């Protein structure tokens, strides 16, 4: 899947912020950064509203474990749907 297709799928599957539930002003957030290797895949990106996105970037160490957990659950769901 191309990066563009992954973004489109995430936008369709996650039409809301994964932290607060808002459905407007949404961004895609990479949990692990490009410097860590391959970075655009279902287990590494989530949707966040602008406010939550800024909050996460201000305190990355606090939010990283929680966001990884959310993304891993989403990746399992997406992989199951692809297989079925």
PDB file of N, CA and C in Angstrom:
ATOM      1  N   UNK A   1       0.842  -1.180   0.000  1.00  0.00           N
ATOM      2  CA  UNK A   1       0.000   0.000   0.000  1.00  0.00           C
ATOM      3  C   UNK A   1       0.890   1.246   0.000  1.00  0.00           C
ATOM      4  N   UNK A   2       0.551   2.216  -0.816  1.00  0.00           N
ATOM      5  CA  UNK A   2       1.330   3.448  -0.852  1.00  0.00           C
ATOM      6  C   UNK A   2       1.012   4.316   0.367  1.00  0.00           C
ATOM      7  N   UNK A   3       1.877   5.267   0.624  1.00  0.00           N
ATOM      8  CA  UNK A   3       1.679   6.190   1.743  1.00  0.00           C
ATOM      9  C   UNK A   3       0.338   6.930   1.595  1.00  0.00           C
ATOM     10  N   UNK A   4       0.035   7.356   0.389  1.00  0.00           N
ATOM     11  CA  UNK A   4      -1.217   8.069   0.116  1.00  0.00           C
ATOM     12  C   UNK A   4      -2.431   7.186   0.414  1.00  0.00           C
ATOM     13  N   UNK A   5      -2.357   5.912   0.042  1.00  0.00           N
ATOM     14  CA  UNK A   5      -3.449   4.970   0.311  1.00  0.00           C
ATOM     15  C   UNK A   5      -3.605   4.716   1.815  1.00  0.00           C
ATOM     16  N   UNK A   6      -2.489   4.647   2.514  1.00  0.00           N
ATOM     17  CA  UNK A   6      -2.547   4.443   3.967  1.00  0.00           C
ATOM     18  C   UNK A   6      -3.215   5.646   4.626  1.00  0.00           C
ATOM     19  N   UNK A   7      -2.824   6.859   4.226  1.00  0.00           N
ATOM     20  CA  UNK A   7      -3.454   8.067   4.785  1.00  0.00           C
ATOM     21  C   UNK A   7      -4.955   8.093   4.504  1.00  0.00           C
ATOM     22  N   UNK A   8      -5.343   7.729   3.292  1.00  0.00           N
ATOM     23  CA  UNK A   8      -6.759   7.719   2.926  1.00  0.00           C
ATOM     24  C   UNK A   8      -7.530   6.700   3.755  1.00  0.00           C
ATOM     25  N   UNK A   9      -6.936   5.530   3.966  1.00  0.00           N
ATOM     26  CA  UNK A   9      -7.581   4.483   4.769  1.00  0.00           C
ATOM     27  C   UNK A   9      -7.736   4.935   6.213  1.00  0.00           C
ATOM     28  N   UNK A  10      -6.681   5.531   6.772  1.00  0.00           N
ATOM     29  CA  UNK A  10      -6.750   6.029   8.150  1.00  0.00           C
ATOM     30  C   UNK A  10      -7.822   7.107   8.260  1.00  0.00           C
ATOM     31  N   UNK A  11      -7.887   8.011   7.296  1.00  0.00           N
ATOM     32  CA  UNK A  11      -8.898   9.075   7.318  1.00  0.00           C
ATOM     33  C   UNK A  11     -10.307   8.495   7.289  1.00  0.00           C
ATOM     34  N   UNK A  12     -10.490   7.417   6.545  1.00  0.00           N
ATOM     35  CA  UNK A  12     -11.794   6.767   6.447  1.00  0.00           C
ATOM     36  C   UNK A  12     -12.120   5.972   7.715  1.00  0.00           C
ATOM     37  N   UNK A  13     -11.146   5.246   8.215  1.00  0.00           N
ATOM     38  CA  UNK A  13     -11.355   4.378   9.375  1.00  0.00           C
ATOM     39  C   UNK A  13     -11.378   5.143  10.700  1.00  0.00           C
ATOM     40  N   UNK A  14     -10.682   6.268  10.763  1.00  0.00           N
ATOM     41  CA  UNK A  14     -10.607   7.067  11.979  1.00  0.00           C
ATOM     42  C   UNK A  14     -11.090   8.485  11.681  1.00  0.00           C
ATOM     43  N   UNK A  15     -12.396   8.697  11.590  1.00  0.00           N
ATOM     44  CA  UNK A  15     -12.913  10.036  11.270  1.00  0.00           C
ATOM     45  C   UNK A  15     -13.010  10.923  12.513  1.00  0.00           C
ATOM     46  N   UNK A  16     -12.187  10.632  13.518  1.00  0.00           N
ATOM     47  CA  UNK A  16     -12.235  11.375  14.779  1.00  0.00           C
ATOM     48  C   UNK A  16     -10.864  11.308  15.452  1.00  0.00           C
ATOM     49  N   UNK A  17     -10.646  12.210  16.412  1.00  0.00           N
ATOM     50  CA  UNK A  17      -9.411  12.222  17.187  1.00  0.00           C
ATOM     51  C   UNK A  17      -9.388  11.004  18.100  1.00  0.00           C
ATOM     52  N   UNK A  18      -8.274  10.285  18.094  1.00  0.00           N
ATOM     53  CA  UNK A  18      -8.154   9.069  18.903  1.00  0.00           C
ATOM     54  C   UNK A  18      -8.006   9.368  20.397  1.00  0.00           C
ATOM     55  N   UNK A  19      -7.821  10.638  20.770  1.00  0.00           N
ATOM     56  CA  UNK A  19      -7.727  10.986  22.180  1.00  0.00           C
ATOM     57  C   UNK A  19      -9.009  11.611  22.721  1.00  0.00           C
ATOM     58  N   UNK A  20      -9.540  12.615  22.013  1.00  0.00           N
ATOM     59  CA  UNK A  20     -10.704  13.324  22.560  1.00  0.00           C
ATOM     60  C   UNK A  20     -12.003  13.044  21.815  1.00  0.00           C
ATOM     61  N   UNK A  21     -11.919  12.465  20.613  1.00  0.00           N
ATOM     62  CA  UNK A  21     -13.119  12.121  19.867  1.00  0.00           C
ATOM     63  C   UNK A  21     -13.644  13.194  18.932  1.00  0.00           C
ATOM     64  N   UNK A  22     -13.004  14.373  18.878  1.00  0.00           N
ATOM     65  CA  UNK A  22     -13.460  15.425  17.959  1.00  0.00           C
ATOM     66  C   UNK A  22     -13.362  14.926  16.522  1.00  0.00           C
ATOM     67  N   UNK A  23     -14.229  15.470  15.668  1.00  0.00           N
ATOM     68  CA  UNK A  23     -14.229  15.026  14.272  1.00  0.00           C
ATOM     69  C   UNK A  23     -13.877  16.154  13.299  1.00  0.00           C
ATOM     70  N   UNK A  24     -13.220  17.202  13.774  1.00  0.00           N
ATOM     71  CA  UNK A  24     -12.821  18.304  12.912  1.00  0.00           C
ATOM     72  C   UNK A  24     -11.373  18.701  13.218  1.00  0.00           C
ATOM     73  N   UNK A  25     -10.761  19.403  12.264  1.00  0.00           N
ATOM     74  CA  UNK A  25      -9.361  19.829  12.385  1.00  0.00           C
ATOM     75  C   UNK A  25      -8.437  18.662  12.729  1.00  0.00           C
ATOM     76  N   UNK A  26      -8.524  17.604  11.945  1.00  0.00           N
ATOM     77  CA  UNK A  26      -7.754  16.398  12.233  1.00  0.00           C
ATOM     78  C   UNK A  26      -6.424  16.373  11.484  1.00  0.00           C
ATOM     79  N   UNK A  27      -5.405  15.854  12.150  1.00  0.00           N
ATOM     80  CA  UNK A  27      -4.079  15.643  11.576  1.00  0.00           C
ATOM     81  C   UNK A  27      -3.748  14.158  11.661  1.00  0.00           C
ATOM     82  N   UNK A  28      -2.772  13.768  10.879  1.00  0.00           N
ATOM     83  CA  UNK A  28      -2.213  12.430  11.026  1.00  0.00           C
ATOM     84  C   UNK A  28      -0.933  12.581  11.832  1.00  0.00           C
ATOM     85  N   UNK A  29      -0.795  11.767  12.856  1.00  0.00           N
ATOM     86  CA  UNK A  29       0.375  11.832  13.731  1.00  0.00           C
ATOM     87  C   UNK A  29       1.182  10.547  13.599  1.00  0.00           C
ATOM     88  N   UNK A  30       2.466  10.703  13.325  1.00  0.00           N
ATOM     89  CA  UNK A  30       3.387   9.562  13.308  1.00  0.00           C
ATOM     90  C   UNK A  30       3.893   9.357  14.733  1.00  0.00           C
ATOM     91  N   UNK A  31       3.697   8.180  15.271  1.00  0.00           N
ATOM     92  CA  UNK A  31       4.108   7.901  16.643  1.00  0.00           C
ATOM     93  C   UNK A  31       5.624   7.756  16.724  1.00  0.00           C
ATOM     94  N   UNK A  32       6.180   6.918  15.869  1.00  0.00           N
ATOM     95  CA  UNK A  32       7.631   6.788  15.779  1.00  0.00           C
ATOM     96  C   UNK A  32       8.067   7.618  14.581  1.00  0.00           C
ATOM     97  N   UNK A  33       9.186   8.286  14.703  1.00  0.00           N
ATOM     98  CA  UNK A  33       9.602   9.247  13.682  1.00  0.00           C
ATOM     99  C   UNK A  33      10.390   8.595  12.561  1.00  0.00           C
ATOM    100  N   UNK A  34      10.475   9.292  11.446  1.00  0.00           N
ATOM    101  CA  UNK A  34      11.167   8.779  10.271  1.00  0.00           C
ATOM    102  C   UNK A  34      12.598   8.384  10.530  1.00  0.00           C
ATOM    103  N   UNK A  35      13.234   9.030  11.478  1.00  0.00           N
ATOM    104  CA  UNK A  35      14.624   8.699  11.801  1.00  0.00           C
ATOM    105  C   UNK A  35      14.746   7.294  12.392  1.00  0.00           C
ATOM    106  N   UNK A  36      13.610   6.706  12.794  1.00  0.00           N
ATOM    107  CA  UNK A  36      13.611   5.359  13.376  1.00  0.00           C
ATOM    108  C   UNK A  36      13.406   4.280  12.309  1.00  0.00           C
ATOM    109  N   UNK A  37      13.393   4.666  11.046  1.00  0.00           N
ATOM    110  CA  UNK A  37      13.185   3.694   9.973  1.00  0.00           C
ATOM    111  C   UNK A  37      11.826   3.884   9.327  1.00  0.00           C
ATOM    112  N   UNK A  38      11.317   2.818   8.724  1.00  0.00           N
ATOM    113  CA  UNK A  38      10.000   2.861   8.063  1.00  0.00           C
ATOM    114  C   UNK A  38       8.970   3.461   9.004  1.00  0.00           C
ATOM    115  N   UNK A  39       8.241   4.485   8.570  1.00  0.00           N
ATOM    116  CA  UNK A  39       7.369   5.147   9.528  1.00  0.00           C
ATOM    117  C   UNK A  39       5.918   5.333   9.109  1.00  0.00           C
ATOM    118  N   UNK A  40       5.532   5.059   7.882  1.00  0.00           N
ATOM    119  CA  UNK A  40       4.132   5.213   7.506  1.00  0.00           C
ATOM    120  C   UNK A  40       3.519   3.832   7.295  1.00  0.00           C
ATOM    121  N   UNK A  41       2.908   3.336   8.355  1.00  0.00           N
ATOM    122  CA  UNK A  41       2.186   2.064   8.337  1.00  0.00           C
ATOM    123  C   UNK A  41       1.119   2.142   9.424  1.00  0.00           C
ATOM    124  N   UNK A  42       0.137   1.248   9.375  1.00  0.00           N
ATOM    125  CA  UNK A  42      -1.023   1.339  10.262  1.00  0.00           C
ATOM    126  C   UNK A  42      -0.678   1.341  11.743  1.00  0.00           C
ATOM    127  N   UNK A  43       0.381   0.677  12.138  1.00  0.00           N
ATOM    128  CA  UNK A  43       0.745   0.630  13.545  1.00  0.00           C
ATOM    129  C   UNK A  43       1.532   1.835  14.009  1.00  0.00           C
ATOM    130  N   UNK A  44       1.731   2.817  13.127  1.00  0.00           N
ATOM    131  CA  UNK A  44       2.533   3.979  13.499  1.00  0.00           C
ATOM    132  C   UNK A  44       1.826   5.310  13.296  1.00  0.00           C
ATOM    133  N   UNK A  45       0.652   5.320  12.724  1.00  0.00           N
ATOM    134  CA  UNK A  45      -0.039   6.598  12.525  1.00  0.00           C
ATOM    135  C   UNK A  45      -1.448   6.538  13.108  1.00  0.00           C
ATOM    136  N   UNK A  46      -1.835   7.670  13.669  1.00  0.00           N
ATOM    137  CA  UNK A  46      -3.181   7.806  14.213  1.00  0.00           C
ATOM    138  C   UNK A  46      -3.685   9.204  13.887  1.00  0.00           C
ATOM    139  N   UNK A  47      -4.977   9.396  14.038  1.00  0.00           N
ATOM    140  CA  UNK A  47      -5.577  10.711  13.810  1.00  0.00           C
ATOM    141  C   UNK A  47      -5.708  11.434  15.141  1.00  0.00           C
ATOM    142  N   UNK A  48      -5.300  12.694  15.153  1.00  0.00           N
ATOM    143  CA  UNK A  48      -5.438  13.562  16.319  1.00  0.00           C
ATOM    144  C   UNK A  48      -5.966  14.910  15.859  1.00  0.00           C
ATOM    145  N   UNK A  49      -6.794  15.541  16.692  1.00  0.00           N
ATOM    146  CA  UNK A  49      -7.216  16.905  16.381  1.00  0.00           C
ATOM    147  C   UNK A  49      -6.019  17.824  16.613  1.00  0.00           C
ATOM    148  N   UNK A  50      -6.104  19.042  16.128  1.00  0.00           N
ATOM    149  CA  UNK A  50      -4.994  19.977  16.238  1.00  0.00           C
ATOM    150  C   UNK A  50      -4.582  20.181  17.700  1.00  0.00           C
ATOM    151  N   UNK A  51      -5.549  20.348  18.595  1.00  0.00           N
ATOM    152  CA  UNK A  51      -5.246  20.571  20.006  1.00  0.00           C
ATOM    153  C   UNK A  51      -4.524  19.396  20.644  1.00  0.00           C
ATOM    154  N   UNK A  52      -5.012  18.186  20.414  1.00  0.00           N
ATOM    155  CA  UNK A  52      -4.372  16.994  20.976  1.00  0.00           C
ATOM    156  C   UNK A  52      -3.012  16.762  20.340  1.00  0.00           C
ATOM    157  N   UNK A  53      -2.897  17.069  19.044  1.00  0.00           N
ATOM    158  CA  UNK A  53      -1.624  16.900  18.352  1.00  0.00           C
ATOM    159  C   UNK A  53      -0.561  17.807  18.984  1.00  0.00           C
ATOM    160  N   UNK A  54      -0.931  19.050  19.250  1.00  0.00           N
ATOM    161  CA  UNK A  54       0.003  19.977  19.902  1.00  0.00           C
ATOM    162  C   UNK A  54       0.356  19.501  21.309  1.00  0.00           C
ATOM    163  N   UNK A  55      -0.643  19.027  22.052  1.00  0.00           N
ATOM    164  CA  UNK A  55      -0.427  18.539  23.408  1.00  0.00           C
ATOM    165  C   UNK A  55       0.559  17.368  23.408  1.00  0.00           C
ATOM    166  N   UNK A  56       0.377  16.439  22.468  1.00  0.00           N
ATOM    167  CA  UNK A  56       1.249  15.274  22.376  1.00  0.00           C
ATOM    168  C   UNK A  56       2.685  15.699  22.065  1.00  0.00           C
ATOM    169  N   UNK A  57       2.848  16.640  21.142  1.00  0.00           N
ATOM    170  CA  UNK A  57       4.196  17.079  20.778  1.00  0.00           C
ATOM    171  C   UNK A  57       4.881  17.834  21.914  1.00  0.00           C
ATOM    172  N   UNK A  58       4.121  18.456  22.774  1.00  0.00           N
ATOM    173  CA  UNK A  58       4.710  19.179  23.910  1.00  0.00           C
ATOM    174  C   UNK A  58       5.238  18.237  24.978  1.00  0.00           C
ATOM    175  N   UNK A  59       4.697  17.022  25.051  1.00  0.00           N
ATOM    176  CA  UNK A  59       5.130  16.076  26.075  1.00  0.00           C
ATOM    177  C   UNK A  59       5.174  14.662  25.478  1.00  0.00           C
ATOM    178  N   UNK A  60       6.064  14.476  24.521  1.00  0.00           N
ATOM    179  CA  UNK A  60       6.150  13.210  23.775  1.00  0.00           C
ATOM    180  C   UNK A  60       6.418  12.014  24.675  1.00  0.00           C
ATOM    181  N   UNK A  61       7.303  12.161  25.641  1.00  0.00           N
ATOM    182  CA  UNK A  61       7.657  11.021  26.498  1.00  0.00           C
ATOM    183  C   UNK A  61       6.447  10.505  27.270  1.00  0.00           C
ATOM    184  N   UNK A  62       5.597  11.389  27.709  1.00  0.00           N
ATOM    185  CA  UNK A  62       4.409  10.985  28.462  1.00  0.00           C
ATOM    186  C   UNK A  62       3.414  10.253  27.577  1.00  0.00           C
ATOM    187  N   UNK A  63       3.206  10.747  26.368  1.00  0.00           N
ATOM    188  CA  UNK A  63       2.164  10.219  25.487  1.00  0.00           C
ATOM    189  C   UNK A  63       2.600   9.035  24.650  1.00  0.00           C
ATOM    190  N   UNK A  64       3.876   8.893  24.377  1.00  0.00           N
ATOM    191  CA  UNK A  64       4.360   7.849  23.463  1.00  0.00           C
ATOM    192  C   UNK A  64       3.843   6.446  23.800  1.00  0.00           C
ATOM    193  N   UNK A  65       3.983   5.951  25.041  1.00  0.00           N
ATOM    194  CA  UNK A  65       3.512   4.584  25.329  1.00  0.00           C
ATOM    195  C   UNK A  65       2.007   4.407  25.087  1.00  0.00           C
ATOM    196  N   UNK A  66       1.224   5.394  25.446  1.00  0.00           N
ATOM    197  CA  UNK A  66      -0.226   5.328  25.265  1.00  0.00           C
ATOM    198  C   UNK A  66      -0.581   5.303  23.779  1.00  0.00           C
ATOM    199  N   UNK A  67       0.066   6.158  22.993  1.00  0.00           N
ATOM    200  CA  UNK A  67      -0.214   6.215  21.558  1.00  0.00           C
ATOM    201  C   UNK A  67       0.222   4.935  20.851  1.00  0.00           C
ATOM    202  N   UNK A  68       1.322   4.348  21.285  1.00  0.00           N
ATOM    203  CA  UNK A  68       1.773   3.080  20.706  1.00  0.00           C
ATOM    204  C   UNK A  68       0.728   1.998  20.961  1.00  0.00           C
ATOM    205  N   UNK A  69       0.176   1.982  22.153  1.00  0.00           N
ATOM    206  CA  UNK A  69      -0.864   0.992  22.480  1.00  0.00           C
ATOM    207  C   UNK A  69      -2.083   1.162  21.573  1.00  0.00           C
ATOM    208  N   UNK A  70      -2.544   2.388  21.397  1.00  0.00           N
ATOM    209  CA  UNK A  70      -3.699   2.665  20.520  1.00  0.00           C
ATOM    210  C   UNK A  70      -3.387   2.224  19.089  1.00  0.00           C
ATOM    211  N   UNK A  71      -2.227   2.608  18.594  1.00  0.00           N
ATOM    212  CA  UNK A  71      -1.860   2.289  17.212  1.00  0.00           C
ATOM    213  C   UNK A  71      -1.722   0.789  17.003  1.00  0.00           C
ATOM    214  N   UNK A  72      -1.161   0.085  17.973  1.00  0.00           N
ATOM    215  CA  UNK A  72      -1.024  -1.368  17.841  1.00  0.00           C
ATOM    216  C   UNK A  72      -2.386  -2.043  17.764  1.00  0.00           C
ATOM    217  N   UNK A  73      -3.341  -1.581  18.555  1.00  0.00           N
ATOM    218  CA  UNK A  73      -4.701  -2.136  18.496  1.00  0.00           C
ATOM    219  C   UNK A  73      -5.319  -1.865  17.131  1.00  0.00           C
ATOM    220  N   UNK A  74      -5.090  -0.670  16.607  1.00  0.00           N
ATOM    221  CA  UNK A  74      -5.628  -0.313  15.294  1.00  0.00           C
ATOM    222  C   UNK A  74      -4.982  -1.150  14.203  1.00  0.00           C
ATOM    223  N   UNK A  75      -3.668  -1.374  14.304  1.00  0.00           N
ATOM    224  CA  UNK A  75      -2.977  -2.175  13.302  1.00  0.00           C
ATOM    225  C   UNK A  75      -3.521  -3.602  13.283  1.00  0.00           C
ATOM    226  N   UNK A  76      -3.783  -4.181  14.443  1.00  0.00           N
ATOM    227  CA  UNK A  76      -4.361  -5.528  14.506  1.00  0.00           C
ATOM    228  C   UNK A  76      -5.714  -5.554  13.810  1.00  0.00           C
ATOM    229  N   UNK A  77      -6.524  -4.542  14.062  1.00  0.00           N
ATOM    230  CA  UNK A  77      -7.847  -4.459  13.433  1.00  0.00           C
ATOM    231  C   UNK A  77      -7.713  -4.352  11.912  1.00  0.00           C
ATOM    232  N   UNK A  78      -6.830  -3.481  11.446  1.00  0.00           N
ATOM    233  CA  UNK A  78      -6.660  -3.280  10.008  1.00  0.00           C
ATOM    234  C   UNK A  78      -6.139  -4.544   9.346  1.00  0.00           C
ATOM    235  N   UNK A  79      -5.201  -5.232   9.974  1.00  0.00           N
ATOM    236  CA  UNK A  79      -4.661  -6.472   9.404  1.00  0.00           C
ATOM    237  C   UNK A  79      -5.718  -7.560   9.341  1.00  0.00           C
ATOM    238  N   UNK A  80      -6.586  -7.648  10.350  1.00  0.00           N
ATOM    239  CA  UNK A  80      -7.671  -8.628  10.317  1.00  0.00           C
ATOM    240  C   UNK A  80      -8.620  -8.350   9.171  1.00  0.00           C
ATOM    241  N   UNK A  81      -8.925  -7.069   8.931  1.00  0.00           N
ATOM    242  CA  UNK A  81      -9.850  -6.716   7.851  1.00  0.00           C
ATOM    243  C   UNK A  81      -9.250  -7.031   6.493  1.00  0.00           C
ATOM    244  N   UNK A  82      -7.956  -6.851   6.338  1.00  0.00           N
ATOM    245  CA  UNK A  82      -7.294  -7.146   5.069  1.00  0.00           C
ATOM    246  C   UNK A  82      -7.325  -8.648   4.799  1.00  0.00           C
ATOM    247  N   UNK A  83      -7.128  -9.457   5.831  1.00  0.00           N
ATOM    248  CA  UNK A  83      -7.120 -10.911   5.685  1.00  0.00           C
ATOM    249  C   UNK A  83      -8.522 -11.441   5.375  1.00  0.00           C
ATOM    250  N   UNK A  84      -9.523 -10.902   6.030  1.00  0.00           N
ATOM    251  CA  UNK A  84     -10.910 -11.395   5.839  1.00  0.00           C
ATOM    252  C   UNK A  84     -11.411 -11.012   4.527  1.00  0.00           C
TER     253      UNK A  84
END
